[in-house]
Amino acid sequence: MENINGELVDLYVPRKCAATGRLIEAKDHASVQIAVADVDENGKIIPGKTTNIPIAGSIRHQGESDDSLNRICQEKGTYIKVQRIKSLQAPVP
């Protein structure tokens, strides 16, 4: 909640899961908030600029956090598809 001057006066401001849109409760100790660095068109990090992505513990428990993080980054335009690098090891017969 904000006061007349527009300052936050609440002790706790809940976060919202970026994958599900649900509120992350204060007792959800499995939740994480990942800060993804913003980059310019040349792929260099912009100092001091990050995009925060909160993920609820229920998504992590289901094993869907990696897929959700990739999808969210693609939607926000912070994800560039990376090609797989062939392994340098010899193939196993």
C-alpha atoms as a PDB file:
ATOM      1  CA  MET A   1       0.000   0.000   0.000  1.00  0.00           C
ATOM      2  CA  GLU A   2       1.162   3.564  -0.661  1.00  0.00           C
ATOM      3  CA  ASN A   3       0.693   6.640   1.487  1.00  0.00           C
ATOM      4  CA  ILE A   4      -0.305  10.119   0.273  1.00  0.00           C
ATOM      5  CA  ASN A   5       3.278  10.865  -0.836  1.00  0.00           C
ATOM      6  CA  GLY A   6       3.440   7.716  -2.985  1.00  0.00           C
ATOM      7  CA  GLU A   7       5.896   5.876  -0.690  1.00  0.00           C
ATOM      8  CA  LEU A   8       5.516   2.158   0.019  1.00  0.00           C
ATOM      9  CA  VAL A   9       4.418   1.606   3.612  1.00  0.00           C
ATOM     10  CA  ASP A  10       3.875  -2.171   3.618  1.00  0.00           C
ATOM     11  CA  LEU A  11       6.427  -4.365   5.352  1.00  0.00           C
ATOM     12  CA  TYR A  12       6.031  -7.139   2.795  1.00  0.00           C
ATOM     13  CA  VAL A  13       5.263  -6.809  -0.902  1.00  0.00           C
ATOM     14  CA  PRO A  14       4.465 -10.252  -2.365  1.00  0.00           C
ATOM     15  CA  ARG A  15       6.051 -11.378  -5.611  1.00  0.00           C
ATOM     16  CA  LYS A  16       4.166 -12.935  -8.510  1.00  0.00           C
ATOM     17  CA  CYS A  17       5.434 -16.089 -10.234  1.00  0.00           C
ATOM     18  CA  ALA A  18       6.416 -15.266 -13.804  1.00  0.00           C
ATOM     19  CA  ALA A  19       5.463 -18.763 -14.988  1.00  0.00           C
ATOM     20  CA  THR A  20       2.001 -19.123 -13.442  1.00  0.00           C
ATOM     21  CA  GLY A  21       0.988 -15.599 -12.451  1.00  0.00           C
ATOM     22  CA  ARG A  22       0.195 -16.745  -8.901  1.00  0.00           C
ATOM     23  CA  LEU A  23       1.375 -14.869  -5.830  1.00  0.00           C
ATOM     24  CA  ILE A  24       4.450 -16.323  -4.127  1.00  0.00           C
ATOM     25  CA  GLU A  25       3.703 -16.651  -0.426  1.00  0.00           C
ATOM     26  CA  ALA A  26       6.134 -15.523   2.254  1.00  0.00           C
ATOM     27  CA  LYS A  27       6.531 -19.120   3.458  1.00  0.00           C
ATOM     28  CA  ASP A  28       7.420 -20.484   0.014  1.00  0.00           C
ATOM     29  CA  HIS A  29      11.077 -21.118   0.817  1.00  0.00           C
ATOM     30  CA  ALA A  30      11.621 -23.084  -2.408  1.00  0.00           C
ATOM     31  CA  SER A  31      10.920 -20.069  -4.612  1.00  0.00           C
ATOM     32  CA  VAL A  32      13.746 -18.236  -6.365  1.00  0.00           C
ATOM     33  CA  GLN A  33      14.205 -14.923  -8.103  1.00  0.00           C
ATOM     34  CA  ILE A  34      16.728 -15.043 -10.934  1.00  0.00           C
ATOM     35  CA  ALA A  35      18.361 -11.861 -12.211  1.00  0.00           C
ATOM     36  CA  VAL A  36      19.112 -12.138 -15.940  1.00  0.00           C
ATOM     37  CA  ALA A  37      21.612  -9.565 -17.207  1.00  0.00           C
ATOM     38  CA  ASP A  38      20.408  -7.279 -19.996  1.00  0.00           C
ATOM     39  CA  VAL A  39      22.668  -7.129 -23.045  1.00  0.00           C
ATOM     40  CA  ASP A  40      22.999  -4.737 -25.968  1.00  0.00           C
ATOM     41  CA  GLU A  41      22.760  -5.677 -29.657  1.00  0.00           C
ATOM     42  CA  ASN A  42      26.437  -6.754 -29.629  1.00  0.00           C
ATOM     43  CA  GLY A  43      25.896  -9.214 -26.788  1.00  0.00           C
ATOM     44  CA  LYS A  44      27.741  -7.129 -24.167  1.00  0.00           C
ATOM     45  CA  ILE A  45      26.292  -6.806 -20.686  1.00  0.00           C
ATOM     46  CA  ILE A  46      24.705  -3.465 -19.850  1.00  0.00           C
ATOM     47  CA  PRO A  47      26.093  -2.585 -16.382  1.00  0.00           C
ATOM     48  CA  GLY A  48      23.440  -2.277 -13.692  1.00  0.00           C
ATOM     49  CA  LYS A  49      20.568  -3.507 -15.890  1.00  0.00           C
ATOM     50  CA  THR A  50      18.916  -6.820 -15.044  1.00  0.00           C
ATOM     51  CA  THR A  51      15.549  -8.463 -15.552  1.00  0.00           C
ATOM     52  CA  ASN A  52      14.255 -10.234 -12.431  1.00  0.00           C
ATOM     53  CA  ILE A  53      12.277 -13.425 -12.969  1.00  0.00           C
ATOM     54  CA  PRO A  54      10.568 -14.906  -9.872  1.00  0.00           C
ATOM     55  CA  ILE A  55       9.777 -18.636 -10.008  1.00  0.00           C
ATOM     56  CA  ALA A  56       7.495 -20.298  -7.426  1.00  0.00           C
ATOM     57  CA  GLY A  57       8.568 -23.356  -5.487  1.00  0.00           C
ATOM     58  CA  SER A  58       5.726 -25.425  -6.963  1.00  0.00           C
ATOM     59  CA  ILE A  59       7.128 -24.921 -10.481  1.00  0.00           C
ATOM     60  CA  ARG A  60      10.589 -25.918  -9.265  1.00  0.00           C
ATOM     61  CA  HIS A  61       9.118 -28.982  -7.519  1.00  0.00           C
ATOM     62  CA  GLN A  62       7.507 -30.126 -10.788  1.00  0.00           C
ATOM     63  CA  GLY A  63      10.831 -29.760 -12.621  1.00  0.00           C
ATOM     64  CA  GLU A  64       9.400 -27.118 -14.955  1.00  0.00           C
ATOM     65  CA  SER A  65      11.547 -24.151 -13.914  1.00  0.00           C
ATOM     66  CA  ASP A  66      14.094 -24.560 -16.733  1.00  0.00           C
ATOM     67  CA  ASP A  67      11.411 -24.737 -19.417  1.00  0.00           C
ATOM     68  CA  SER A  68       9.504 -21.849 -17.838  1.00  0.00           C
ATOM     69  CA  LEU A  69      12.641 -19.716 -17.609  1.00  0.00           C
ATOM     70  CA  ASN A  70      13.438 -20.318 -21.291  1.00  0.00           C
ATOM     71  CA  ARG A  71       9.852 -19.484 -22.319  1.00  0.00           C
ATOM     72  CA  ILE A  72       9.738 -16.316 -20.209  1.00  0.00           C
ATOM     73  CA  CYS A  73      13.096 -15.109 -21.544  1.00  0.00           C
ATOM     74  CA  GLN A  74      11.926 -15.732 -25.126  1.00  0.00           C
ATOM     75  CA  GLU A  75       8.754 -13.719 -24.476  1.00  0.00           C
ATOM     76  CA  LYS A  76      10.735 -10.823 -22.966  1.00  0.00           C
ATOM     77  CA  GLY A  77      13.302 -10.903 -25.763  1.00  0.00           C
ATOM     78  CA  THR A  78      16.255 -11.631 -23.482  1.00  0.00           C
ATOM     79  CA  TYR A  79      16.854 -15.133 -24.808  1.00  0.00           C
ATOM     80  CA  ILE A  80      18.910 -15.927 -27.880  1.00  0.00           C
ATOM     81  CA  LYS A  81      18.759 -19.477 -29.143  1.00  0.00           C
ATOM     82  CA  VAL A  82      22.157 -21.086 -28.600  1.00  0.00           C
ATOM     83  CA  GLN A  83      23.295 -23.845 -30.906  1.00  0.00           C
ATOM     84  CA  ARG A  84      24.684 -26.963 -29.340  1.00  0.00           C
ATOM     85  CA  ILE A  85      28.411 -27.415 -29.564  1.00  0.00           C
ATOM     86  CA  LYS A  86      29.519 -30.853 -30.656  1.00  0.00           C
ATOM     87  CA  SER A  87      31.319 -32.786 -27.975  1.00  0.00           C
ATOM     88  CA  LEU A  88      35.096 -32.895 -28.230  1.00  0.00           C
ATOM     89  CA  GLN A  89      35.172 -36.418 -26.840  1.00  0.00           C
ATOM     90  CA  ALA A  90      35.489 -39.442 -29.076  1.00  0.00           C
ATOM     91  CA  PRO A  91      32.200 -41.290 -29.672  1.00  0.00           C
ATOM     92  CA  VAL A  92      31.547 -44.308 -27.492  1.00  0.00           C
ATOM     93  CA  PRO A  93      31.495 -47.546 -29.534  1.00  0.00           C
END
